[in-house]
N, C-alpha and C. Protein backbone atom coordinates (compact mmCIF):
# COMPACT_ATOMS: atom_id res chain seq x y z
N MET A 1 6.27 -19.83 -7.27
CA MET A 1 5.71 -18.81 -8.16
C MET A 1 5.85 -17.54 -7.38
N ARG A 2 6.60 -16.61 -7.80
CA ARG A 2 6.84 -15.30 -7.16
C ARG A 2 5.96 -14.22 -7.95
N ILE A 3 5.09 -13.58 -7.23
CA ILE A 3 4.27 -12.58 -7.85
C ILE A 3 4.14 -11.33 -6.93
N SER A 4 3.57 -10.25 -7.62
CA SER A 4 3.34 -9.03 -6.91
C SER A 4 1.91 -8.57 -7.17
N LEU A 5 1.22 -8.43 -6.05
CA LEU A 5 -0.17 -7.78 -6.23
C LEU A 5 0.08 -6.28 -6.14
N THR A 6 -0.52 -5.57 -7.16
CA THR A 6 -0.47 -4.14 -7.21
C THR A 6 -1.80 -3.50 -7.31
N PHE A 7 -2.04 -2.30 -6.78
CA PHE A 7 -3.27 -1.60 -6.73
C PHE A 7 -3.17 -0.21 -7.11
N ASP A 8 -4.02 0.24 -8.05
CA ASP A 8 -4.07 1.62 -8.51
C ASP A 8 -5.22 2.45 -8.02
N ASP A 9 -4.88 3.70 -7.90
CA ASP A 9 -6.06 4.80 -7.82
C ASP A 9 -6.35 5.11 -6.35
N GLY A 10 -5.60 4.59 -5.44
CA GLY A 10 -5.89 5.00 -4.02
C GLY A 10 -4.96 6.32 -3.78
N PRO A 11 -4.95 6.75 -2.50
CA PRO A 11 -5.44 6.10 -1.37
C PRO A 11 -6.77 6.52 -0.88
N ASN A 12 -7.50 5.68 -0.20
CA ASN A 12 -8.73 6.06 0.47
C ASN A 12 -8.93 5.23 1.65
N LEU A 13 -9.92 5.55 2.50
CA LEU A 13 -10.20 4.83 3.76
C LEU A 13 -11.32 3.81 3.55
N ASP A 14 -11.74 3.60 2.33
CA ASP A 14 -12.76 2.60 2.05
C ASP A 14 -12.14 1.37 1.54
N VAL A 15 -12.07 1.23 0.22
CA VAL A 15 -11.45 -0.02 -0.31
C VAL A 15 -10.00 -0.29 0.03
N THR A 16 -9.20 0.76 0.08
CA THR A 16 -7.88 0.60 0.43
C THR A 16 -7.69 -0.06 1.93
N SER A 17 -8.49 0.40 2.83
CA SER A 17 -8.44 -0.14 4.08
C SER A 17 -8.92 -1.60 4.15
N GLN A 18 -9.99 -1.96 3.35
CA GLN A 18 -10.35 -3.32 3.34
C GLN A 18 -9.31 -4.26 2.67
N ILE A 19 -8.65 -3.81 1.62
CA ILE A 19 -7.55 -4.63 1.06
C ILE A 19 -6.50 -4.71 2.05
N LEU A 20 -6.05 -3.69 2.75
CA LEU A 20 -5.05 -3.78 3.74
C LEU A 20 -5.41 -4.82 4.84
N ASP A 21 -6.71 -4.92 5.23
CA ASP A 21 -7.15 -5.86 6.19
C ASP A 21 -6.89 -7.36 5.71
N LEU A 22 -7.21 -7.55 4.34
CA LEU A 22 -6.96 -8.83 3.73
C LEU A 22 -5.46 -9.14 3.68
N LEU A 23 -4.65 -8.17 3.39
CA LEU A 23 -3.26 -8.43 3.27
C LEU A 23 -2.60 -8.73 4.72
N GLU A 24 -3.11 -8.06 5.65
CA GLU A 24 -2.69 -8.43 7.03
C GLU A 24 -3.13 -9.79 7.46
N LEU A 25 -4.38 -10.07 7.08
CA LEU A 25 -4.92 -11.40 7.44
C LEU A 25 -4.09 -12.59 6.91
N TYR A 26 -3.63 -12.40 5.67
CA TYR A 26 -2.77 -13.45 5.02
C TYR A 26 -1.27 -13.19 5.08
N LYS A 27 -0.94 -12.10 5.82
CA LYS A 27 0.47 -11.87 6.04
C LYS A 27 1.30 -11.69 4.77
N ILE A 28 0.73 -10.91 3.81
CA ILE A 28 1.50 -10.66 2.58
C ILE A 28 1.57 -9.20 2.23
N PRO A 29 2.63 -8.71 1.50
CA PRO A 29 2.75 -7.38 1.11
C PRO A 29 2.16 -7.14 -0.32
N ALA A 30 2.07 -5.88 -0.67
CA ALA A 30 1.60 -5.50 -2.10
C ALA A 30 2.14 -4.23 -2.32
N SER A 31 1.98 -3.72 -3.56
CA SER A 31 2.44 -2.29 -3.90
C SER A 31 1.14 -1.55 -4.35
N PHE A 32 1.18 -0.34 -3.83
CA PHE A 32 0.11 0.64 -4.17
C PHE A 32 0.63 1.72 -5.00
N PHE A 33 0.03 1.94 -6.06
CA PHE A 33 0.25 3.05 -7.11
C PHE A 33 -0.68 4.21 -6.87
N LEU A 34 -0.28 5.26 -6.30
CA LEU A 34 -1.19 6.35 -5.79
C LEU A 34 -1.42 7.44 -6.75
N ILE A 35 -2.60 8.00 -6.66
CA ILE A 35 -2.92 9.23 -7.45
C ILE A 35 -2.71 10.40 -6.47
N GLY A 36 -1.87 11.38 -6.88
CA GLY A 36 -1.54 12.47 -5.96
C GLY A 36 -2.72 13.19 -5.42
N ASN A 37 -3.62 13.50 -6.27
CA ASN A 37 -4.79 14.38 -5.78
C ASN A 37 -5.76 13.62 -4.90
N ASN A 38 -5.55 12.35 -4.66
CA ASN A 38 -6.30 11.54 -3.61
C ASN A 38 -5.64 11.61 -2.29
N ILE A 39 -4.37 12.09 -2.23
CA ILE A 39 -3.61 12.18 -0.93
C ILE A 39 -4.03 13.39 -0.29
N ASN A 40 -4.49 13.23 1.01
CA ASN A 40 -4.68 14.31 1.92
C ASN A 40 -4.52 13.86 3.36
N GLU A 41 -4.80 14.70 4.36
CA GLU A 41 -4.49 14.38 5.67
C GLU A 41 -5.26 13.13 6.10
N LYS A 42 -6.47 12.93 5.58
CA LYS A 42 -7.34 11.83 5.98
C LYS A 42 -6.86 10.56 5.33
N SER A 43 -6.71 10.56 4.02
CA SER A 43 -6.26 9.26 3.38
C SER A 43 -4.82 8.91 3.62
N ALA A 44 -4.06 9.87 4.24
CA ALA A 44 -2.68 9.57 4.55
C ALA A 44 -2.59 8.53 5.52
N GLU A 45 -3.71 8.27 6.31
CA GLU A 45 -3.75 7.18 7.25
C GLU A 45 -3.54 5.83 6.54
N SER A 46 -4.07 5.70 5.46
CA SER A 46 -3.81 4.46 4.62
C SER A 46 -2.35 4.29 4.15
N ILE A 47 -1.82 5.44 3.75
CA ILE A 47 -0.42 5.40 3.33
C ILE A 47 0.46 4.97 4.42
N ARG A 48 0.25 5.51 5.54
CA ARG A 48 1.17 5.19 6.71
C ARG A 48 0.93 3.66 7.08
N ARG A 49 -0.32 3.15 6.98
CA ARG A 49 -0.58 1.80 7.23
C ARG A 49 0.11 0.94 6.17
N GLU A 50 0.10 1.29 4.82
CA GLU A 50 0.71 0.56 3.85
C GLU A 50 2.14 0.26 4.19
N ILE A 51 2.80 1.38 4.60
CA ILE A 51 4.23 1.33 4.82
C ILE A 51 4.50 0.47 6.14
N ASP A 52 3.71 0.64 7.21
CA ASP A 52 3.81 -0.12 8.34
C ASP A 52 3.61 -1.64 8.09
N ASP A 53 2.80 -1.93 7.13
CA ASP A 53 2.48 -3.34 6.86
C ASP A 53 3.47 -3.98 5.81
N GLY A 54 4.60 -3.25 5.49
CA GLY A 54 5.56 -3.83 4.66
C GLY A 54 5.20 -3.75 3.14
N CYS A 55 4.24 -2.92 2.80
CA CYS A 55 3.96 -2.64 1.30
C CYS A 55 4.80 -1.50 0.83
N SER A 56 4.81 -1.41 -0.49
CA SER A 56 5.51 -0.22 -1.07
C SER A 56 4.51 0.60 -1.70
N VAL A 57 4.94 1.94 -1.76
CA VAL A 57 4.05 2.95 -2.31
C VAL A 57 4.61 3.65 -3.50
N GLU A 58 3.98 3.61 -4.63
CA GLU A 58 4.62 4.08 -5.94
C GLU A 58 3.68 5.08 -6.54
N CYS A 59 4.19 5.57 -7.71
CA CYS A 59 3.54 6.74 -8.37
C CYS A 59 2.59 6.36 -9.57
N HIS A 60 1.39 6.87 -9.51
CA HIS A 60 0.44 6.79 -10.57
C HIS A 60 -0.04 8.09 -11.17
N SER A 61 0.71 9.12 -11.03
CA SER A 61 0.45 10.53 -11.47
C SER A 61 -0.42 11.34 -10.42
N TRP A 62 -0.48 12.56 -10.73
CA TRP A 62 -1.25 13.41 -9.86
C TRP A 62 -2.75 13.47 -10.12
N SER A 63 -3.14 13.54 -11.43
CA SER A 63 -4.51 13.71 -11.75
C SER A 63 -5.00 12.70 -12.80
N HIS A 64 -4.19 11.63 -13.04
CA HIS A 64 -4.54 10.55 -13.99
C HIS A 64 -4.82 11.08 -15.39
N PRO A 65 -4.03 11.85 -15.95
CA PRO A 65 -4.27 12.25 -17.38
C PRO A 65 -3.62 11.20 -18.32
N ALA A 66 -3.92 11.39 -19.61
CA ALA A 66 -3.25 10.54 -20.61
C ALA A 66 -1.89 11.19 -20.90
N PHE A 67 -0.88 10.61 -20.49
CA PHE A 67 0.46 11.26 -20.56
C PHE A 67 0.90 11.56 -22.06
N PRO A 68 0.53 10.77 -23.04
CA PRO A 68 0.95 11.08 -24.42
C PRO A 68 0.41 12.40 -24.86
N LYS A 69 -0.52 13.01 -24.24
CA LYS A 69 -1.02 14.30 -24.64
C LYS A 69 -0.38 15.40 -23.88
N LEU A 70 0.61 15.16 -22.98
CA LEU A 70 1.26 16.18 -22.15
C LEU A 70 2.56 16.57 -22.78
N THR A 71 2.94 17.80 -22.36
CA THR A 71 4.28 18.26 -22.66
C THR A 71 5.25 17.65 -21.59
N PRO A 72 6.57 17.67 -21.87
CA PRO A 72 7.51 17.11 -20.86
C PRO A 72 7.42 17.88 -19.47
N VAL A 73 7.22 19.19 -19.59
CA VAL A 73 7.01 19.95 -18.27
C VAL A 73 5.83 19.41 -17.54
N GLU A 74 4.70 19.25 -18.24
CA GLU A 74 3.45 18.77 -17.61
C GLU A 74 3.64 17.45 -17.02
N MET A 75 4.38 16.56 -17.85
CA MET A 75 4.68 15.20 -17.26
C MET A 75 5.33 15.23 -15.94
N LEU A 76 6.48 16.01 -15.94
CA LEU A 76 7.23 16.07 -14.76
C LEU A 76 6.60 16.59 -13.53
N ASP A 77 5.70 17.57 -13.83
CA ASP A 77 4.83 18.23 -12.78
C ASP A 77 3.95 17.18 -12.20
N GLU A 78 3.33 16.37 -12.95
CA GLU A 78 2.51 15.24 -12.49
C GLU A 78 3.22 14.28 -11.62
N ILE A 79 4.49 13.93 -12.01
CA ILE A 79 5.30 12.95 -11.25
C ILE A 79 5.86 13.56 -10.06
N GLU A 80 6.36 14.78 -10.11
CA GLU A 80 7.11 15.39 -8.99
C GLU A 80 6.13 15.74 -7.85
N LYS A 81 4.98 16.31 -8.17
CA LYS A 81 4.01 16.65 -7.15
C LYS A 81 3.54 15.31 -6.45
N THR A 82 3.23 14.30 -7.17
CA THR A 82 2.85 13.05 -6.52
C THR A 82 3.97 12.44 -5.73
N ASN A 83 5.16 12.35 -6.22
CA ASN A 83 6.25 11.75 -5.46
C ASN A 83 6.48 12.60 -4.14
N ALA A 84 6.31 13.85 -4.17
CA ALA A 84 6.54 14.70 -3.05
C ALA A 84 5.47 14.47 -2.02
N ALA A 85 4.19 14.28 -2.45
CA ALA A 85 3.14 14.01 -1.46
C ALA A 85 3.27 12.63 -0.90
N ILE A 86 3.74 11.66 -1.68
CA ILE A 86 3.86 10.28 -1.10
C ILE A 86 5.05 10.31 -0.12
N GLU A 87 6.13 11.03 -0.48
CA GLU A 87 7.26 11.01 0.44
C GLU A 87 6.94 11.67 1.80
N LYS A 88 6.06 12.71 1.67
CA LYS A 88 5.68 13.48 2.89
C LYS A 88 5.02 12.62 3.80
N TYR A 89 4.11 11.72 3.44
CA TYR A 89 3.35 10.85 4.32
C TYR A 89 3.95 9.51 4.57
N SER A 90 4.79 9.05 3.68
CA SER A 90 5.33 7.73 3.81
C SER A 90 6.76 7.68 4.29
N GLY A 91 7.43 8.74 4.03
CA GLY A 91 8.86 8.84 4.32
C GLY A 91 9.75 8.15 3.29
N GLU A 92 9.13 7.74 2.19
CA GLU A 92 9.83 6.96 1.16
C GLU A 92 9.52 7.55 -0.16
N LYS A 93 10.49 7.68 -0.97
CA LYS A 93 10.29 8.17 -2.33
C LYS A 93 9.86 7.10 -3.26
N PRO A 94 8.93 7.24 -4.17
CA PRO A 94 8.51 6.21 -5.07
C PRO A 94 9.67 5.89 -6.05
N ILE A 95 9.73 4.61 -6.36
CA ILE A 95 10.82 4.16 -7.31
C ILE A 95 10.15 3.91 -8.71
N PHE A 96 8.93 3.44 -8.75
CA PHE A 96 8.33 3.02 -10.01
C PHE A 96 7.18 3.88 -10.36
N PHE A 97 6.81 4.00 -11.71
CA PHE A 97 5.67 4.78 -12.28
C PHE A 97 4.82 3.88 -13.06
N ARG A 98 3.51 3.99 -12.76
CA ARG A 98 2.58 3.31 -13.64
C ARG A 98 1.75 4.36 -14.42
N PRO A 99 1.92 4.43 -15.73
CA PRO A 99 1.29 5.36 -16.58
C PRO A 99 -0.28 5.15 -16.43
N PRO A 100 -0.99 6.22 -16.24
CA PRO A 100 -2.47 6.23 -16.39
C PRO A 100 -2.94 5.60 -17.77
N TYR A 101 -3.94 4.78 -17.68
CA TYR A 101 -4.49 4.08 -18.89
C TYR A 101 -3.36 3.13 -19.57
N ILE A 102 -2.25 3.00 -18.93
CA ILE A 102 -1.11 2.33 -19.62
C ILE A 102 -0.90 2.93 -20.93
N ALA A 103 -1.09 4.23 -21.02
CA ALA A 103 -0.73 4.95 -22.30
C ALA A 103 0.67 5.42 -22.32
N VAL A 104 1.41 5.04 -23.28
CA VAL A 104 2.92 5.33 -23.31
C VAL A 104 3.30 5.79 -24.59
N ASN A 105 4.24 6.71 -24.64
CA ASN A 105 4.95 7.08 -25.93
C ASN A 105 6.44 7.34 -25.64
N GLN A 106 7.21 7.56 -26.71
CA GLN A 106 8.65 7.65 -26.57
C GLN A 106 9.05 8.88 -25.79
N LEU A 107 8.30 9.99 -25.85
CA LEU A 107 8.60 11.12 -25.07
C LEU A 107 8.51 10.93 -23.64
N MET A 108 7.55 10.06 -23.18
CA MET A 108 7.44 9.70 -21.85
C MET A 108 8.71 9.03 -21.34
N PHE A 109 9.14 8.02 -22.10
CA PHE A 109 10.30 7.28 -21.77
C PHE A 109 11.58 8.22 -21.69
N ASP A 110 11.56 9.18 -22.60
CA ASP A 110 12.70 10.12 -22.61
C ASP A 110 12.76 11.06 -21.47
N THR A 111 11.52 11.40 -20.95
CA THR A 111 11.34 12.47 -19.95
C THR A 111 11.31 11.93 -18.52
N ILE A 112 10.65 10.74 -18.29
CA ILE A 112 10.43 10.22 -16.89
C ILE A 112 11.52 9.22 -16.61
N LYS A 113 12.32 9.52 -15.62
CA LYS A 113 13.42 8.71 -15.25
C LYS A 113 13.07 7.70 -14.15
N MET A 114 11.99 6.96 -14.31
CA MET A 114 11.64 5.94 -13.44
C MET A 114 11.28 4.71 -14.23
N PRO A 115 11.47 3.48 -13.80
CA PRO A 115 10.96 2.30 -14.48
C PRO A 115 9.45 2.29 -14.53
N PHE A 116 8.92 1.97 -15.75
CA PHE A 116 7.45 1.96 -15.92
C PHE A 116 6.92 0.53 -15.61
N ILE A 117 5.86 0.48 -14.93
CA ILE A 117 5.21 -0.76 -14.56
C ILE A 117 3.82 -0.91 -15.22
N GLU A 118 3.56 -1.96 -15.84
CA GLU A 118 2.18 -2.16 -16.33
C GLU A 118 1.55 -3.24 -15.40
N GLY A 119 1.63 -4.56 -15.78
CA GLY A 119 1.03 -5.62 -15.00
C GLY A 119 -0.12 -6.20 -15.74
N ARG A 120 -0.50 -7.42 -15.29
CA ARG A 120 -1.52 -8.15 -16.01
C ARG A 120 -2.80 -7.97 -15.26
N GLY A 121 -3.82 -7.28 -15.89
CA GLY A 121 -4.99 -6.89 -15.18
C GLY A 121 -6.22 -7.75 -15.65
N VAL A 122 -7.33 -7.49 -15.00
CA VAL A 122 -8.67 -8.17 -15.34
C VAL A 122 -9.80 -7.15 -15.48
N ASP A 123 -9.44 -5.92 -15.91
CA ASP A 123 -10.35 -4.87 -16.12
C ASP A 123 -11.26 -4.57 -14.84
N ASP A 124 -10.66 -4.74 -13.64
CA ASP A 124 -11.46 -4.62 -12.42
C ASP A 124 -11.78 -3.32 -12.11
N TRP A 125 -11.35 -2.25 -12.92
CA TRP A 125 -11.83 -0.81 -12.75
C TRP A 125 -13.24 -0.78 -13.30
N ASN A 126 -13.71 -1.76 -14.14
CA ASN A 126 -15.02 -1.68 -14.74
C ASN A 126 -15.93 -2.46 -13.88
N ASP A 127 -16.98 -1.77 -13.37
CA ASP A 127 -17.90 -2.49 -12.41
C ASP A 127 -18.69 -3.56 -13.03
N SER A 128 -18.84 -3.57 -14.37
CA SER A 128 -19.57 -4.73 -15.03
C SER A 128 -18.85 -5.98 -14.94
N VAL A 129 -17.60 -5.96 -14.70
CA VAL A 129 -16.82 -7.18 -14.64
C VAL A 129 -17.11 -7.89 -13.28
N SER A 130 -17.63 -9.10 -13.33
CA SER A 130 -18.16 -9.82 -12.16
C SER A 130 -16.97 -10.21 -11.27
N VAL A 131 -17.28 -10.53 -10.04
CA VAL A 131 -16.35 -11.03 -9.04
C VAL A 131 -15.64 -12.29 -9.50
N GLU A 132 -16.49 -13.18 -10.05
CA GLU A 132 -15.87 -14.42 -10.54
C GLU A 132 -14.95 -14.26 -11.71
N THR A 133 -15.32 -13.40 -12.65
CA THR A 133 -14.40 -13.07 -13.76
C THR A 133 -13.08 -12.61 -13.25
N ARG A 134 -13.15 -11.67 -12.28
CA ARG A 134 -11.98 -11.20 -11.76
C ARG A 134 -11.07 -12.31 -11.12
N VAL A 135 -11.73 -13.14 -10.37
CA VAL A 135 -10.97 -14.26 -9.68
C VAL A 135 -10.36 -15.20 -10.73
N GLU A 136 -11.15 -15.66 -11.63
CA GLU A 136 -10.66 -16.57 -12.71
C GLU A 136 -9.60 -15.94 -13.53
N GLY A 137 -9.72 -14.69 -13.87
CA GLY A 137 -8.68 -14.02 -14.72
C GLY A 137 -7.32 -13.97 -14.00
N VAL A 138 -7.28 -13.63 -12.70
CA VAL A 138 -6.03 -13.51 -11.93
C VAL A 138 -5.45 -14.91 -11.78
N ILE A 139 -6.25 -15.87 -11.28
CA ILE A 139 -5.73 -17.24 -11.01
C ILE A 139 -5.23 -17.90 -12.23
N LYS A 140 -6.05 -17.87 -13.33
CA LYS A 140 -5.70 -18.54 -14.58
C LYS A 140 -4.33 -18.13 -15.15
N ASN A 141 -4.09 -16.80 -15.02
CA ASN A 141 -2.97 -16.28 -15.68
C ASN A 141 -1.76 -16.11 -14.76
N ALA A 142 -1.87 -16.47 -13.51
CA ALA A 142 -0.70 -16.13 -12.56
C ALA A 142 0.45 -17.09 -12.91
N HIS A 143 1.67 -16.47 -12.91
CA HIS A 143 2.89 -17.30 -13.17
C HIS A 143 4.00 -16.53 -12.56
N ASP A 144 5.17 -17.29 -12.45
CA ASP A 144 6.36 -16.84 -11.83
C ASP A 144 6.79 -15.46 -12.40
N GLY A 145 7.14 -14.52 -11.57
CA GLY A 145 7.69 -13.20 -11.98
C GLY A 145 6.66 -12.23 -12.57
N GLN A 146 5.30 -12.46 -12.23
CA GLN A 146 4.29 -11.63 -12.71
C GLN A 146 3.88 -10.51 -11.78
N ILE A 147 3.55 -9.36 -12.44
CA ILE A 147 2.95 -8.26 -11.69
C ILE A 147 1.43 -8.28 -12.02
N ILE A 148 0.66 -8.29 -10.93
CA ILE A 148 -0.79 -8.34 -11.18
C ILE A 148 -1.37 -6.92 -10.88
N LEU A 149 -2.15 -6.44 -11.87
CA LEU A 149 -2.74 -5.16 -11.77
C LEU A 149 -4.15 -5.16 -11.43
N LEU A 150 -4.46 -4.55 -10.20
CA LEU A 150 -5.75 -4.40 -9.75
C LEU A 150 -6.03 -2.96 -9.20
N HIS A 151 -7.21 -2.63 -8.80
CA HIS A 151 -7.54 -1.27 -8.37
C HIS A 151 -8.19 -1.17 -6.95
N ASP A 152 -7.70 -0.31 -6.27
CA ASP A 152 -8.26 -0.11 -4.87
C ASP A 152 -9.04 1.29 -4.85
N MET A 153 -9.55 1.67 -6.01
CA MET A 153 -10.32 2.93 -6.16
C MET A 153 -11.62 2.77 -5.27
N GLU A 154 -12.06 3.99 -4.80
CA GLU A 154 -13.17 4.04 -3.96
C GLU A 154 -14.40 3.35 -4.56
N GLY A 155 -15.05 2.50 -3.76
CA GLY A 155 -16.33 1.88 -4.29
C GLY A 155 -16.05 0.57 -4.98
N ASN A 156 -14.79 0.13 -5.12
CA ASN A 156 -14.54 -1.09 -5.99
C ASN A 156 -14.56 -2.30 -5.11
N GLN A 157 -15.87 -2.48 -4.55
CA GLN A 157 -16.09 -3.69 -3.63
C GLN A 157 -15.82 -4.99 -4.22
N LYS A 158 -16.10 -5.15 -5.55
CA LYS A 158 -16.02 -6.38 -6.29
C LYS A 158 -14.52 -6.92 -6.16
N THR A 159 -13.59 -6.01 -6.23
CA THR A 159 -12.19 -6.51 -6.12
C THR A 159 -11.86 -6.89 -4.73
N VAL A 160 -12.42 -6.31 -3.72
CA VAL A 160 -12.27 -6.75 -2.34
C VAL A 160 -12.84 -8.22 -2.27
N GLU A 161 -13.99 -8.51 -2.80
CA GLU A 161 -14.55 -9.82 -2.71
C GLU A 161 -13.80 -10.74 -3.51
N ALA A 162 -13.30 -10.39 -4.66
CA ALA A 162 -12.45 -11.25 -5.50
C ALA A 162 -11.20 -11.66 -4.72
N LEU A 163 -10.55 -10.76 -4.09
CA LEU A 163 -9.33 -10.96 -3.35
C LEU A 163 -9.46 -12.04 -2.24
N LYS A 164 -10.66 -12.10 -1.66
CA LYS A 164 -10.97 -13.04 -0.64
C LYS A 164 -10.84 -14.49 -1.13
N LYS A 165 -11.01 -14.65 -2.48
CA LYS A 165 -10.86 -15.96 -3.13
C LYS A 165 -9.49 -16.07 -3.76
N ILE A 166 -9.03 -14.97 -4.41
CA ILE A 166 -7.71 -15.02 -5.21
C ILE A 166 -6.58 -15.37 -4.21
N ILE A 167 -6.49 -14.61 -3.06
CA ILE A 167 -5.21 -14.88 -2.26
C ILE A 167 -5.06 -16.26 -1.78
N PRO A 168 -6.10 -16.78 -1.16
CA PRO A 168 -5.98 -18.20 -0.60
C PRO A 168 -5.69 -19.22 -1.72
N VAL A 169 -6.28 -19.05 -2.84
CA VAL A 169 -6.06 -20.02 -4.03
C VAL A 169 -4.58 -19.90 -4.48
N LEU A 170 -4.13 -18.71 -4.70
CA LEU A 170 -2.76 -18.57 -5.12
C LEU A 170 -1.79 -19.05 -4.08
N LYS A 171 -2.12 -18.84 -2.83
CA LYS A 171 -1.22 -19.37 -1.74
C LYS A 171 -1.27 -20.83 -1.82
N GLU A 172 -2.34 -21.47 -2.01
CA GLU A 172 -2.44 -22.94 -2.18
C GLU A 172 -1.64 -23.42 -3.39
N ASN A 173 -1.55 -22.59 -4.39
CA ASN A 173 -0.82 -22.96 -5.60
C ASN A 173 0.64 -22.72 -5.48
N GLY A 174 1.09 -22.30 -4.28
CA GLY A 174 2.50 -22.04 -4.07
C GLY A 174 3.02 -20.67 -4.24
N ALA A 175 2.08 -19.68 -4.32
CA ALA A 175 2.53 -18.26 -4.69
C ALA A 175 3.24 -17.74 -3.49
N GLU A 176 4.32 -16.99 -3.74
CA GLU A 176 5.02 -16.10 -2.79
C GLU A 176 4.79 -14.71 -3.20
N PHE A 177 4.34 -13.82 -2.28
CA PHE A 177 3.98 -12.46 -2.61
C PHE A 177 5.09 -11.49 -2.26
N TYR A 178 5.43 -10.59 -3.09
CA TYR A 178 6.30 -9.52 -2.90
C TYR A 178 5.84 -8.17 -3.36
N THR A 179 6.43 -7.12 -2.79
CA THR A 179 6.19 -5.74 -3.40
C THR A 179 6.83 -5.83 -4.79
N VAL A 180 6.58 -4.85 -5.63
CA VAL A 180 7.21 -4.79 -6.97
C VAL A 180 8.77 -4.62 -6.78
N ARG A 181 9.11 -3.69 -5.77
CA ARG A 181 10.56 -3.54 -5.54
C ARG A 181 11.28 -4.90 -5.27
N ASP A 182 10.61 -5.64 -4.35
CA ASP A 182 11.18 -6.91 -3.95
C ASP A 182 11.16 -8.00 -4.99
N LEU A 183 10.11 -7.95 -5.80
CA LEU A 183 9.97 -8.91 -6.92
C LEU A 183 11.17 -8.84 -7.87
N PHE A 184 11.56 -7.60 -8.16
CA PHE A 184 12.74 -7.44 -9.13
C PHE A 184 13.94 -8.07 -8.48
N LYS A 185 14.13 -7.86 -7.12
CA LYS A 185 15.30 -8.30 -6.42
C LYS A 185 15.31 -9.80 -6.42
N VAL A 186 14.20 -10.47 -6.04
CA VAL A 186 14.22 -11.97 -5.92
C VAL A 186 14.28 -12.66 -7.20
N CYS A 187 13.83 -11.92 -8.25
CA CYS A 187 13.89 -12.52 -9.63
C CYS A 187 15.27 -12.14 -10.27
N GLY A 188 16.06 -11.36 -9.64
CA GLY A 188 17.40 -11.03 -10.12
C GLY A 188 17.30 -10.20 -11.50
N VAL A 189 16.26 -9.24 -11.53
CA VAL A 189 16.08 -8.50 -12.69
C VAL A 189 16.36 -7.01 -12.34
N ASN A 190 17.12 -6.32 -13.29
CA ASN A 190 17.23 -4.89 -13.15
C ASN A 190 16.16 -4.20 -13.77
N PRO A 191 15.35 -3.35 -13.10
CA PRO A 191 14.19 -2.65 -13.67
C PRO A 191 14.57 -1.56 -14.58
N ASN A 192 15.84 -1.11 -14.48
CA ASN A 192 16.15 0.15 -15.25
C ASN A 192 16.64 -0.27 -16.68
N VAL A 193 15.57 -0.55 -17.50
CA VAL A 193 15.83 -0.94 -18.87
C VAL A 193 15.15 0.18 -19.75
N PRO A 194 15.91 0.83 -20.69
CA PRO A 194 15.28 1.88 -21.44
C PRO A 194 14.01 1.42 -22.27
N ASN A 195 13.06 2.31 -22.35
CA ASN A 195 11.95 2.09 -23.27
C ASN A 195 11.22 0.89 -22.92
N LYS A 196 11.14 0.37 -21.65
CA LYS A 196 10.59 -0.83 -21.29
C LYS A 196 9.46 -0.60 -20.27
N ILE A 197 8.32 -1.22 -20.48
CA ILE A 197 7.24 -1.25 -19.42
C ILE A 197 6.97 -2.66 -18.97
N TRP A 198 7.00 -2.82 -17.67
CA TRP A 198 7.11 -4.18 -17.10
C TRP A 198 5.78 -4.85 -16.75
N THR A 199 5.47 -6.11 -17.09
CA THR A 199 4.35 -6.87 -16.65
C THR A 199 4.86 -8.20 -16.22
N ASP A 200 5.72 -8.86 -16.93
CA ASP A 200 6.36 -10.09 -16.57
C ASP A 200 7.89 -9.91 -16.46
N LEU A 201 8.40 -10.41 -15.32
CA LEU A 201 9.86 -10.31 -15.21
C LEU A 201 10.62 -11.39 -15.77
N LEU A 202 10.04 -12.53 -16.01
CA LEU A 202 10.78 -13.69 -16.44
C LEU A 202 10.12 -14.25 -17.71
């Protein structure tokens, strides 16, 4: 079972750092979809650590707006500013884009020339969702070629606690963990498909 853990809404030195500690402990990579206006000299420490630990860093927009309400110029500004900030601190240009709120329209596909990533989530951005619900939701639905959508936003301690259970159980179940970039490669899937947003590769 080949899967990719992905995290939205960082970087920060709080939850992001704790998640990186767990990834290091279990010796697995993940992908982080960053919000540009969370990137600064302080939080850049997490970005550098993500890269050093073999993770990939991708684009989740600059200010997390609903893209279907934006003009093409506004969309590209959100993407380009974020990608530039990520490249400044990571040395790598993002390949993938995760739309805020997973809100998508045709104009976005026509305007943004990056593969779109969704992923299967457990509403872990919502603090009312318990640790156990997060754990059960990820483990129950995990399958080969899947992108798992979680959040490393500041204060999201419940996802940190959930991961302490999720990762070892998935490993016991035979999961192999990849960045999103490497998941496409090992599954032999070309991400550059027009008008497509990816959750399951197979």
